[in-house]
């Protein structure tokens, strides 16, 4: 809630949404709720708080610049200003994306004998993967195509090793991550382990991943974008992109039209 003293002086001038600007140049749109002479931050505030790992004891200083803009500075519990993370994901996870692309994403599909079926299913995966990769996240993220060993049997998900080296504590070979989807209504605790296998680092999600997968009805060919939103307790927001048959139907109809046109020609 915005302090009453400030509301009494400037409340009438505030619109339904404001913009918070941090020293790193990031802008955050926050919706306001007004009731009985009081004003609260609502939609957008939780994202801001999670992104900056705000907790009890943090101090925030808001400077009112103009009608809908505030400059905000964040100080930790020792009254030292925090180091602000970048608002947009930098190129440091491109290697993770390339690794995801190189993975044999079609190996979990039962490809038919005809090239038409194979091309159709490949097109579906490619389209869904592209949508997941195009998502603009505010935090480091990685993208994984769901294979059979992730969502049908085994239920062990392997995180890209480069992402693991960068964001996990390599001195701690096991622990928990917490997964949530966009509505923030539920959090799934999932056990992870870090190990070396055949000379290669593996970061794996184990117990708890199957429940997350089933609760969210993940299927082979779906694509998940894991956004690392809170490092203090290893929390990921999972953006789910569903595999659909839309592209397959479009491809089949297009091929039929071409065949009919060729026959008429």
C-alpha atoms as a PDB file:
ATOM      1  CA  UNK A   1       0.000   0.000   0.000  1.00  0.00           C
ATOM      2  CA  UNK A   2       1.204   3.497  -0.836  1.00  0.00           C
ATOM      3  CA  UNK A   3       1.643   5.624   2.301  1.00  0.00           C
ATOM      4  CA  UNK A   4      -1.477   7.683   3.112  1.00  0.00           C
ATOM      5  CA  UNK A   5       0.490  10.931   3.388  1.00  0.00           C
ATOM      6  CA  UNK A   6       1.650  10.563  -0.221  1.00  0.00           C
ATOM      7  CA  UNK A   7      -1.849   9.555  -1.397  1.00  0.00           C
ATOM      8  CA  UNK A   8      -3.409  12.615   0.227  1.00  0.00           C
ATOM      9  CA  UNK A   9      -1.016  14.863  -1.679  1.00  0.00           C
ATOM     10  CA  UNK A  10      -0.713  13.149  -5.072  1.00  0.00           C
ATOM     11  CA  UNK A  11      -3.336  10.394  -5.183  1.00  0.00           C
ATOM     12  CA  UNK A  12      -5.811  12.210  -7.413  1.00  0.00           C
ATOM     13  CA  UNK A  13      -3.150  12.622 -10.093  1.00  0.00           C
ATOM     14  CA  UNK A  14      -2.167   8.955 -10.232  1.00  0.00           C
ATOM     15  CA  UNK A  15      -3.538   6.931 -13.183  1.00  0.00           C
ATOM     16  CA  UNK A  16      -4.665   3.277 -13.099  1.00  0.00           C
ATOM     17  CA  UNK A  17      -1.143   2.113 -13.938  1.00  0.00           C
ATOM     18  CA  UNK A  18       2.289   3.513 -13.161  1.00  0.00           C
ATOM     19  CA  UNK A  19       5.843   2.769 -14.258  1.00  0.00           C
ATOM     20  CA  UNK A  20       8.645   1.927 -11.842  1.00  0.00           C
ATOM     21  CA  UNK A  21      12.138   2.635 -13.162  1.00  0.00           C
ATOM     22  CA  UNK A  22      15.222   1.052 -11.569  1.00  0.00           C
ATOM     23  CA  UNK A  23      18.825   2.325 -11.911  1.00  0.00           C
ATOM     24  CA  UNK A  24      19.648  -0.355 -14.497  1.00  0.00           C
ATOM     25  CA  UNK A  25      17.207   1.284 -16.924  1.00  0.00           C
ATOM     26  CA  UNK A  26      14.454  -1.309 -16.545  1.00  0.00           C
ATOM     27  CA  UNK A  27      10.815  -0.222 -16.592  1.00  0.00           C
ATOM     28  CA  UNK A  28       8.103  -2.111 -14.725  1.00  0.00           C
ATOM     29  CA  UNK A  29       4.416  -1.471 -15.360  1.00  0.00           C
ATOM     30  CA  UNK A  30       2.364  -1.729 -12.160  1.00  0.00           C
ATOM     31  CA  UNK A  31      -1.435  -1.559 -11.922  1.00  0.00           C
ATOM     32  CA  UNK A  32      -2.988   0.432  -9.089  1.00  0.00           C
ATOM     33  CA  UNK A  33      -6.115  -0.319  -7.079  1.00  0.00           C
ATOM     34  CA  UNK A  34      -7.896   2.600  -5.395  1.00  0.00           C
ATOM     35  CA  UNK A  35     -10.446   2.128  -2.605  1.00  0.00           C
ATOM     36  CA  UNK A  36     -11.657   4.308   0.288  1.00  0.00           C
ATOM     37  CA  UNK A  37      -8.882   6.826  -0.148  1.00  0.00           C
ATOM     38  CA  UNK A  38      -6.184   4.144  -0.190  1.00  0.00           C
ATOM     39  CA  UNK A  39      -4.033   2.941  -3.109  1.00  0.00           C
ATOM     40  CA  UNK A  40      -2.308  -0.411  -3.544  1.00  0.00           C
ATOM     41  CA  UNK A  41       0.177  -1.785  -6.059  1.00  0.00           C
ATOM     42  CA  UNK A  42      -1.444  -4.799  -7.708  1.00  0.00           C
ATOM     43  CA  UNK A  43      -0.723  -6.501 -11.045  1.00  0.00           C
ATOM     44  CA  UNK A  44       2.994  -6.432 -11.830  1.00  0.00           C
ATOM     45  CA  UNK A  45       4.164  -5.825  -8.266  1.00  0.00           C
ATOM     46  CA  UNK A  46       4.641  -9.517  -7.477  1.00  0.00           C
ATOM     47  CA  UNK A  47       6.880  -9.902 -10.539  1.00  0.00           C
ATOM     48  CA  UNK A  48       8.905  -6.876  -9.454  1.00  0.00           C
ATOM     49  CA  UNK A  49       9.246  -8.198  -5.893  1.00  0.00           C
ATOM     50  CA  UNK A  50      10.234 -11.704  -6.999  1.00  0.00           C
ATOM     51  CA  UNK A  51      12.702 -10.420  -9.579  1.00  0.00           C
ATOM     52  CA  UNK A  52      14.532  -8.296  -6.988  1.00  0.00           C
ATOM     53  CA  UNK A  53      14.231 -10.980  -4.254  1.00  0.00           C
ATOM     54  CA  UNK A  54      12.454  -8.569  -1.910  1.00  0.00           C
ATOM     55  CA  UNK A  55      11.814  -9.764   1.624  1.00  0.00           C
ATOM     56  CA  UNK A  56      10.948  -8.376   5.048  1.00  0.00           C
ATOM     57  CA  UNK A  57      13.490  -5.727   6.017  1.00  0.00           C
ATOM     58  CA  UNK A  58      14.330  -4.428   2.534  1.00  0.00           C
ATOM     59  CA  UNK A  59      14.057  -0.664   2.093  1.00  0.00           C
ATOM     60  CA  UNK A  60      12.652   0.891  -1.081  1.00  0.00           C
ATOM     61  CA  UNK A  61      12.910   4.599  -1.875  1.00  0.00           C
ATOM     62  CA  UNK A  62      10.442   5.915  -4.462  1.00  0.00           C
ATOM     63  CA  UNK A  63      11.061   9.219  -6.210  1.00  0.00           C
ATOM     64  CA  UNK A  64       7.965  10.677  -7.862  1.00  0.00           C
ATOM     65  CA  UNK A  65       9.101  12.012 -11.238  1.00  0.00           C
ATOM     66  CA  UNK A  66       5.844  12.729 -13.057  1.00  0.00           C
ATOM     67  CA  UNK A  67       2.225  11.591 -13.193  1.00  0.00           C
ATOM     68  CA  UNK A  68       2.833   7.921 -13.956  1.00  0.00           C
ATOM     69  CA  UNK A  69       6.570   7.442 -13.356  1.00  0.00           C
ATOM     70  CA  UNK A  70       8.540   6.618 -10.221  1.00  0.00           C
ATOM     71  CA  UNK A  71      12.245   6.066  -9.827  1.00  0.00           C
ATOM     72  CA  UNK A  72      12.824   3.313  -7.270  1.00  0.00           C
ATOM     73  CA  UNK A  73      15.996   2.280  -5.469  1.00  0.00           C
ATOM     74  CA  UNK A  74      16.292  -0.928  -3.453  1.00  0.00           C
ATOM     75  CA  UNK A  75      18.405  -1.367  -0.305  1.00  0.00           C
ATOM     76  CA  UNK A  76      19.038  -4.680   1.444  1.00  0.00           C
ATOM     77  CA  UNK A  77      18.710  -5.415   5.158  1.00  0.00           C
ATOM     78  CA  UNK A  78      22.129  -3.893   5.841  1.00  0.00           C
ATOM     79  CA  UNK A  79      21.007  -0.641   4.154  1.00  0.00           C
ATOM     80  CA  UNK A  80      23.346  -1.236   1.191  1.00  0.00           C
ATOM     81  CA  UNK A  81      21.889  -0.660  -2.262  1.00  0.00           C
ATOM     82  CA  UNK A  82      21.531  -3.920  -4.162  1.00  0.00           C
ATOM     83  CA  UNK A  83      23.276  -4.810  -7.418  1.00  0.00           C
ATOM     84  CA  UNK A  84      20.508  -4.597  -9.981  1.00  0.00           C
ATOM     85  CA  UNK A  85      20.251  -7.483 -12.441  1.00  0.00           C
ATOM     86  CA  UNK A  86      19.722  -6.860 -16.121  1.00  0.00           C
ATOM     87  CA  UNK A  87      16.090  -6.508 -17.122  1.00  0.00           C
ATOM     88  CA  UNK A  88      16.436  -8.552 -20.295  1.00  0.00           C
ATOM     89  CA  UNK A  89      18.210 -11.863 -20.827  1.00  0.00           C
ATOM     90  CA  UNK A  90      21.648 -11.366 -22.311  1.00  0.00           C
ATOM     91  CA  UNK A  91      23.400 -13.656 -24.766  1.00  0.00           C
ATOM     92  CA  UNK A  92      24.850 -15.838 -22.011  1.00  0.00           C
ATOM     93  CA  UNK A  93      22.207 -18.499 -22.517  1.00  0.00           C
ATOM     94  CA  UNK A  94      22.565 -18.779 -26.292  1.00  0.00           C
ATOM     95  CA  UNK A  95      24.782 -21.805 -25.853  1.00  0.00           C
ATOM     96  CA  UNK A  96      22.003 -23.452 -23.840  1.00  0.00           C
ATOM     97  CA  UNK A  97      19.548 -22.712 -26.636  1.00  0.00           C
ATOM     98  CA  UNK A  98      21.913 -24.158 -29.243  1.00  0.00           C
ATOM     99  CA  UNK A  99      22.384 -27.245 -27.104  1.00  0.00           C
ATOM    100  CA  UNK A 100      18.627 -27.659 -26.888  1.00  0.00           C
ATOM    101  CA  UNK A 101      18.340 -27.357 -30.664  1.00  0.00           C
ATOM    102  CA  UNK A 102      21.068 -29.935 -31.252  1.00  0.00           C
ATOM    103  CA  UNK A 103      19.349 -32.453 -28.976  1.00  0.00           C
ATOM    104  CA  UNK A 104      17.546 -35.123 -30.961  1.00  0.00           C
ATOM    105  CA  UNK A 105      14.128 -33.672 -30.392  1.00  0.00           C
ATOM    106  CA  UNK A 106      12.421 -36.131 -32.712  1.00  0.00           C
ATOM    107  CA  UNK A 107      13.838 -39.291 -31.151  1.00  0.00           C
ATOM    108  CA  UNK A 108      10.852 -39.672 -28.839  1.00  0.00           C
ATOM    109  CA  UNK A 109       8.350 -39.623 -31.726  1.00  0.00           C
ATOM    110  CA  UNK A 110       7.160 -42.730 -33.494  1.00  0.00           C
ATOM    111  CA  UNK A 111       7.867 -41.523 -37.015  1.00  0.00           C
ATOM    112  CA  UNK A 112       5.672 -43.075 -39.710  1.00  0.00           C
ATOM    113  CA  UNK A 113       7.035 -44.795 -42.789  1.00  0.00           C
ATOM    114  CA  UNK A 114       6.009 -42.005 -45.159  1.00  0.00           C
ATOM    115  CA  UNK A 115       8.021 -38.819 -45.518  1.00  0.00           C
ATOM    116  CA  UNK A 116       4.797 -36.799 -45.314  1.00  0.00           C
ATOM    117  CA  UNK A 117       4.109 -37.966 -41.736  1.00  0.00           C
ATOM    118  CA  UNK A 118       7.723 -37.370 -40.725  1.00  0.00           C
ATOM    119  CA  UNK A 119       7.819 -33.854 -42.157  1.00  0.00           C
ATOM    120  CA  UNK A 120       4.486 -33.052 -40.572  1.00  0.00           C
ATOM    121  CA  UNK A 121       5.580 -34.061 -37.070  1.00  0.00           C
ATOM    122  CA  UNK A 122       8.924 -32.315 -37.456  1.00  0.00           C
ATOM    123  CA  UNK A 123       7.094 -29.170 -38.496  1.00  0.00           C
ATOM    124  CA  UNK A 124       4.923 -29.312 -35.354  1.00  0.00           C
ATOM    125  CA  UNK A 125       7.955 -29.610 -33.062  1.00  0.00           C
ATOM    126  CA  UNK A 126       9.852 -26.869 -34.866  1.00  0.00           C
ATOM    127  CA  UNK A 127       6.910 -24.463 -34.677  1.00  0.00           C
ATOM    128  CA  UNK A 128       6.336 -25.078 -30.958  1.00  0.00           C
ATOM    129  CA  UNK A 129      10.065 -24.801 -30.218  1.00  0.00           C
ATOM    130  CA  UNK A 130      10.312 -21.500 -32.082  1.00  0.00           C
ATOM    131  CA  UNK A 131       7.412 -20.073 -30.077  1.00  0.00           C
ATOM    132  CA  UNK A 132       9.109 -21.074 -26.821  1.00  0.00           C
ATOM    133  CA  UNK A 133      12.442 -19.576 -27.896  1.00  0.00           C
ATOM    134  CA  UNK A 134      10.783 -16.326 -28.981  1.00  0.00           C
ATOM    135  CA  UNK A 135       9.426 -15.713 -25.471  1.00  0.00           C
ATOM    136  CA  UNK A 136      11.101 -12.612 -24.033  1.00  0.00           C
ATOM    137  CA  UNK A 137      11.882 -13.374 -20.402  1.00  0.00           C
ATOM    138  CA  UNK A 138      13.264 -10.938 -17.837  1.00  0.00           C
ATOM    139  CA  UNK A 139      15.575 -13.543 -16.313  1.00  0.00           C
ATOM    140  CA  UNK A 140      17.979 -16.307 -17.395  1.00  0.00           C
ATOM    141  CA  UNK A 141      16.122 -19.208 -18.971  1.00  0.00           C
ATOM    142  CA  UNK A 142      16.489 -22.429 -20.937  1.00  0.00           C
ATOM    143  CA  UNK A 143      14.188 -24.309 -23.297  1.00  0.00           C
ATOM    144  CA  UNK A 144      13.565 -28.065 -23.397  1.00  0.00           C
ATOM    145  CA  UNK A 145      11.435 -30.172 -25.739  1.00  0.00           C
ATOM    146  CA  UNK A 146       9.571 -32.833 -23.772  1.00  0.00           C
ATOM    147  CA  UNK A 147      10.652 -36.355 -24.744  1.00  0.00           C
ATOM    148  CA  UNK A 148       9.151 -39.673 -23.683  1.00  0.00           C
ATOM    149  CA  UNK A 149      11.741 -40.153 -20.923  1.00  0.00           C
ATOM    150  CA  UNK A 150      10.633 -36.821 -19.417  1.00  0.00           C
ATOM    151  CA  UNK A 151       6.850 -37.206 -19.420  1.00  0.00           C
ATOM    152  CA  UNK A 152       5.945 -40.864 -20.087  1.00  0.00           C
ATOM    153  CA  UNK A 153       8.586 -43.053 -18.460  1.00  0.00           C
ATOM    154  CA  UNK A 154      11.573 -42.507 -16.209  1.00  0.00           C
ATOM    155  CA  UNK A 155      10.527 -38.936 -15.444  1.00  0.00           C
ATOM    156  CA  UNK A 156      14.059 -37.549 -15.137  1.00  0.00           C
ATOM    157  CA  UNK A 157      14.625 -34.141 -16.725  1.00  0.00           C
ATOM    158  CA  UNK A 158      18.176 -33.051 -17.593  1.00  0.00           C
ATOM    159  CA  UNK A 159      18.959 -29.333 -17.356  1.00  0.00           C
ATOM    160  CA  UNK A 160      21.490 -27.929 -19.882  1.00  0.00           C
ATOM    161  CA  UNK A 161      24.928 -28.294 -18.315  1.00  0.00           C
ATOM    162  CA  UNK A 162      26.023 -24.731 -19.090  1.00  0.00           C
ATOM    163  CA  UNK A 163      22.967 -23.341 -17.313  1.00  0.00           C
ATOM    164  CA  UNK A 164      23.660 -25.650 -14.366  1.00  0.00           C
ATOM    165  CA  UNK A 165      27.288 -24.537 -14.074  1.00  0.00           C
ATOM    166  CA  UNK A 166      26.256 -20.876 -14.158  1.00  0.00           C
ATOM    167  CA  UNK A 167      23.306 -20.857 -11.770  1.00  0.00           C
ATOM    168  CA  UNK A 168      23.610 -23.902  -9.478  1.00  0.00           C
ATOM    169  CA  UNK A 169      25.984 -24.321  -6.546  1.00  0.00           C
ATOM    170  CA  UNK A 170      28.460 -26.906  -7.821  1.00  0.00           C
ATOM    171  CA  UNK A 171      29.558 -27.654  -4.254  1.00  0.00           C
ATOM    172  CA  UNK A 172      26.056 -28.839  -3.430  1.00  0.00           C
ATOM    173  CA  UNK A 173      25.286 -32.038  -5.326  1.00  0.00           C
ATOM    174  CA  UNK A 174      21.613 -32.216  -4.359  1.00  0.00           C
ATOM    175  CA  UNK A 175      18.781 -30.030  -3.187  1.00  0.00           C
ATOM    176  CA  UNK A 176      15.420 -28.686  -4.294  1.00  0.00           C
ATOM    177  CA  UNK A 177      14.168 -26.357  -6.998  1.00  0.00           C
ATOM    178  CA  UNK A 178      10.659 -24.927  -7.021  1.00  0.00           C
ATOM    179  CA  UNK A 179       8.521 -24.805 -10.151  1.00  0.00           C
ATOM    180  CA  UNK A 180       5.491 -22.673 -10.777  1.00  0.00           C
ATOM    181  CA  UNK A 181       3.390 -21.800 -13.799  1.00  0.00           C
ATOM    182  CA  UNK A 182       2.142 -18.376 -14.814  1.00  0.00           C
ATOM    183  CA  UNK A 183      -0.862 -18.211 -12.489  1.00  0.00           C
ATOM    184  CA  UNK A 184       1.343 -18.500  -9.353  1.00  0.00           C
ATOM    185  CA  UNK A 185      -1.391 -20.527  -7.611  1.00  0.00           C
ATOM    186  CA  UNK A 186       0.776 -23.541  -6.826  1.00  0.00           C
ATOM    187  CA  UNK A 187       4.445 -24.357  -6.323  1.00  0.00           C
ATOM    188  CA  UNK A 188       5.930 -27.808  -6.998  1.00  0.00           C
ATOM    189  CA  UNK A 189       9.079 -28.760  -5.038  1.00  0.00           C
ATOM    190  CA  UNK A 190      11.356 -30.927  -7.184  1.00  0.00           C
ATOM    191  CA  UNK A 191      14.520 -32.647  -6.016  1.00  0.00           C
ATOM    192  CA  UNK A 192      17.652 -32.160  -8.124  1.00  0.00           C
ATOM    193  CA  UNK A 193      21.035 -33.843  -8.181  1.00  0.00           C
ATOM    194  CA  UNK A 194      24.341 -32.922  -9.773  1.00  0.00           C
ATOM    195  CA  UNK A 195      26.645 -35.713 -10.910  1.00  0.00           C
ATOM    196  CA  UNK A 196      29.294 -36.638 -13.442  1.00  0.00           C
ATOM    197  CA  UNK A 197      28.321 -39.250 -16.008  1.00  0.00           C
ATOM    198  CA  UNK A 198      30.847 -40.450 -18.580  1.00  0.00           C
ATOM    199  CA  UNK A 199      32.975 -37.409 -17.801  1.00  0.00           C
ATOM    200  CA  UNK A 200      30.112 -34.953 -18.381  1.00  0.00           C
ATOM    201  CA  UNK A 201      28.238 -32.835 -15.862  1.00  0.00           C
ATOM    202  CA  UNK A 202      24.550 -33.650 -15.468  1.00  0.00           C
ATOM    203  CA  UNK A 203      21.997 -31.617 -13.524  1.00  0.00           C
ATOM    204  CA  UNK A 204      18.841 -33.701 -13.217  1.00  0.00           C
ATOM    205  CA  UNK A 205      15.352 -33.085 -11.855  1.00  0.00           C
ATOM    206  CA  UNK A 206      14.072 -36.200 -10.090  1.00  0.00           C
ATOM    207  CA  UNK A 207      11.437 -36.694  -7.381  1.00  0.00           C
ATOM    208  CA  UNK A 208       8.637 -34.195  -7.837  1.00  0.00           C
ATOM    209  CA  UNK A 209       9.141 -33.742 -11.572  1.00  0.00           C
ATOM    210  CA  UNK A 210       6.651 -36.510 -12.393  1.00  0.00           C
ATOM    211  CA  UNK A 211       3.950 -34.811 -10.305  1.00  0.00           C
ATOM    212  CA  UNK A 212       4.629 -31.468 -11.993  1.00  0.00           C
ATOM    213  CA  UNK A 213       4.506 -33.154 -15.400  1.00  0.00           C
ATOM    214  CA  UNK A 214       1.223 -34.949 -14.690  1.00  0.00           C
ATOM    215  CA  UNK A 215      -0.433 -32.016 -12.916  1.00  0.00           C
ATOM    216  CA  UNK A 216       0.272 -29.835 -15.948  1.00  0.00           C
ATOM    217  CA  UNK A 217      -0.591 -32.573 -18.464  1.00  0.00           C
ATOM    218  CA  UNK A 218       2.749 -32.400 -20.289  1.00  0.00           C
ATOM    219  CA  UNK A 219       2.931 -34.460 -23.466  1.00  0.00           C
ATOM    220  CA  UNK A 220       5.725 -35.577 -25.783  1.00  0.00           C
ATOM    221  CA  UNK A 221       6.481 -32.699 -28.116  1.00  0.00           C
ATOM    222  CA  UNK A 222       5.400 -29.937 -25.711  1.00  0.00           C
ATOM    223  CA  UNK A 223       8.106 -27.330 -25.095  1.00  0.00           C
ATOM    224  CA  UNK A 224       8.873 -25.730 -21.722  1.00  0.00           C
ATOM    225  CA  UNK A 225      10.729 -22.479 -21.181  1.00  0.00           C
ATOM    226  CA  UNK A 226      12.191 -22.501 -17.649  1.00  0.00           C
ATOM    227  CA  UNK A 227      12.662 -18.921 -16.403  1.00  0.00           C
ATOM    228  CA  UNK A 228      14.923 -18.595 -13.335  1.00  0.00           C
ATOM    229  CA  UNK A 229      12.944 -15.975 -11.396  1.00  0.00           C
ATOM    230  CA  UNK A 230      14.350 -16.296  -7.863  1.00  0.00           C
ATOM    231  CA  UNK A 231      17.859 -17.507  -7.008  1.00  0.00           C
ATOM    232  CA  UNK A 232      17.510 -17.359  -3.229  1.00  0.00           C
ATOM    233  CA  UNK A 233      15.258 -20.420  -3.189  1.00  0.00           C
ATOM    234  CA  UNK A 234      15.914 -21.728  -6.729  1.00  0.00           C
ATOM    235  CA  UNK A 235      12.507 -20.921  -8.210  1.00  0.00           C
ATOM    236  CA  UNK A 236      11.607 -21.318 -11.887  1.00  0.00           C
ATOM    237  CA  UNK A 237       8.535 -20.086 -13.692  1.00  0.00           C
ATOM    238  CA  UNK A 238       7.714 -22.654 -16.359  1.00  0.00           C
ATOM    239  CA  UNK A 239       6.144 -21.346 -19.567  1.00  0.00           C
ATOM    240  CA  UNK A 240       4.449 -24.265 -21.350  1.00  0.00           C
ATOM    241  CA  UNK A 241       3.973 -24.350 -25.123  1.00  0.00           C
ATOM    242  CA  UNK A 242       1.681 -27.131 -26.265  1.00  0.00           C
ATOM    243  CA  UNK A 243       2.294 -29.288 -29.307  1.00  0.00           C
ATOM    244  CA  UNK A 244      -0.765 -29.030 -31.544  1.00  0.00           C
ATOM    245  CA  UNK A 245      -1.916 -30.625 -34.773  1.00  0.00           C
ATOM    246  CA  UNK A 246      -2.772 -27.272 -36.343  1.00  0.00           C
ATOM    247  CA  UNK A 247       0.364 -27.147 -38.449  1.00  0.00           C
ATOM    248  CA  UNK A 248      -0.097 -30.770 -39.481  1.00  0.00           C
ATOM    249  CA  UNK A 249      -3.624 -30.101 -40.721  1.00  0.00           C
ATOM    250  CA  UNK A 250      -2.465 -26.984 -42.538  1.00  0.00           C
ATOM    251  CA  UNK A 251       0.380 -28.886 -44.164  1.00  0.00           C
ATOM    252  CA  UNK A 252      -1.918 -31.724 -45.239  1.00  0.00           C
ATOM    253  CA  UNK A 253      -4.502 -29.324 -46.680  1.00  0.00           C
ATOM    254  CA  UNK A 254      -1.805 -27.388 -48.484  1.00  0.00           C
ATOM    255  CA  UNK A 255      -0.379 -30.568 -50.004  1.00  0.00           C
ATOM    256  CA  UNK A 256      -3.861 -31.685 -51.088  1.00  0.00           C
ATOM    257  CA  UNK A 257      -4.516 -28.349 -52.778  1.00  0.00           C
ATOM    258  CA  UNK A 258      -1.201 -28.540 -54.619  1.00  0.00           C
ATOM    259  CA  UNK A 259      -1.937 -32.077 -55.796  1.00  0.00           C
ATOM    260  CA  UNK A 260      -5.393 -31.073 -57.027  1.00  0.00           C
ATOM    261  CA  UNK A 261      -3.976 -28.032 -58.785  1.00  0.00           C
ATOM    262  CA  UNK A 262      -1.312 -30.167 -60.446  1.00  0.00           C
ATOM    263  CA  UNK A 263      -3.946 -32.671 -61.561  1.00  0.00           C
ATOM    264  CA  UNK A 264      -6.109 -29.914 -63.026  1.00  0.00           C
ATOM    265  CA  UNK A 265      -3.108 -28.395 -64.750  1.00  0.00           C
END
